Amino acid sequence: SYDEIFYKDLKRQIDSILAALPPRQQEIFNLSRFEGLSHADIATKLDLSVRTVENQIYRALKIIKDNLKIELFFWFCFLFF
């Protein structure tokens, strides 16, 4: 179905964006979003400040959102024009 195709493509795009992040930022993001660790737990585990962890997660999310906006715009143009 269209939903399944869209979901798979969206997942592929997100995976690609995550793979392009700097390695440390990837690690911090993965620990937060996929392993469910708190910012404090990540900071302790990686010997970083909580503020650094928060900043890296914020930056990763901004990169993901900015890239998805571009991708979704092109999908929209393709589908409706």
Protein backbone atom coordinates (compact mmCIF):
# COMPACT_ATOMS: atom_id res chain seq x y z
CA SER A 1 0.00 0.00 0.00
CA TYR A 2 0.97 3.64 -0.32
CA ASP A 3 1.31 3.98 3.48
CA GLU A 4 3.74 1.07 3.63
CA ILE A 5 5.84 2.47 0.79
CA PHE A 6 5.86 5.92 2.39
CA TYR A 7 6.84 4.47 5.79
CA LYS A 8 9.69 2.41 4.33
CA ASP A 9 10.99 5.39 2.37
CA LEU A 10 10.74 7.65 5.42
CA LYS A 11 12.63 5.09 7.53
CA ARG A 12 15.31 4.82 4.86
CA GLN A 13 15.66 8.60 4.79
CA ILE A 14 15.95 8.85 8.57
CA ASP A 15 18.50 6.04 8.67
CA SER A 16 20.51 7.82 5.97
CA ILE A 17 20.38 11.13 7.86
CA LEU A 18 21.44 9.43 11.10
CA ALA A 19 24.34 7.70 9.32
CA ALA A 20 25.60 11.09 8.14
CA LEU A 21 25.78 12.52 11.66
CA PRO A 22 29.19 12.74 13.32
CA PRO A 23 29.97 9.47 15.15
CA ARG A 24 29.74 10.91 18.68
CA GLN A 25 26.43 12.63 17.87
CA GLN A 26 25.10 9.34 16.46
CA GLU A 27 26.12 7.54 19.62
CA ILE A 28 24.45 10.10 21.89
CA PHE A 29 21.28 10.16 19.77
CA ASN A 30 21.07 6.35 19.67
CA LEU A 31 21.54 6.07 23.43
CA SER A 32 18.76 8.59 23.95
CA ARG A 33 16.20 7.60 21.37
CA PHE A 34 16.78 3.90 20.79
CA GLU A 35 18.13 2.73 24.15
CA GLY A 36 16.01 5.09 26.23
CA LEU A 37 18.79 6.45 28.42
CA SER A 38 18.27 9.77 30.18
CA HIS A 39 20.52 12.73 29.44
CA ALA A 40 22.17 12.28 32.85
CA ASP A 41 22.80 8.57 32.19
CA ILE A 42 24.34 9.32 28.79
CA ALA A 43 26.52 12.04 30.29
CA THR A 44 27.78 9.65 32.96
CA LYS A 45 28.32 6.79 30.51
CA LEU A 46 30.27 8.94 28.03
CA ASP A 47 31.97 11.21 30.58
CA LEU A 48 30.28 14.34 29.22
CA SER A 49 28.29 17.14 30.76
CA VAL A 50 24.50 16.89 30.66
CA ARG A 51 24.50 20.17 28.73
CA THR A 52 26.72 18.65 26.03
CA VAL A 53 24.36 15.68 25.71
CA GLU A 54 21.33 18.00 25.45
CA ASN A 55 23.10 20.11 22.85
CA GLN A 56 24.09 17.10 20.71
CA ILE A 57 20.56 15.68 20.79
CA TYR A 58 19.11 19.09 19.90
CA ARG A 59 21.52 19.41 16.95
CA ALA A 60 20.77 15.89 15.72
CA LEU A 61 17.01 16.50 15.86
CA LYS A 62 17.41 19.79 13.99
CA ILE A 63 19.41 18.08 11.23
CA ILE A 64 16.80 15.32 10.96
CA LYS A 65 13.89 17.77 10.85
CA ASP A 66 15.58 20.09 8.35
CA ASN A 67 16.42 17.20 6.01
CA LEU A 68 12.95 15.66 6.28
CA LYS A 69 11.31 18.99 5.44
CA ILE A 70 13.26 19.03 2.19
CA GLU A 71 12.42 15.39 1.42
CA LEU A 72 8.73 15.82 2.25
CA PHE A 73 8.54 18.94 0.09
CA PHE A 74 9.84 16.97 -2.90
CA TRP A 75 7.40 14.11 -2.17
CA PHE A 76 4.56 16.61 -2.04
CA CYS A 77 5.63 18.19 -5.34
CA PHE A 78 5.96 14.79 -6.97
CA LEU A 79 2.54 13.64 -5.84
CA PHE A 80 0.53 16.76 -6.52
CA PHE A 81 2.17 18.53 -9.45
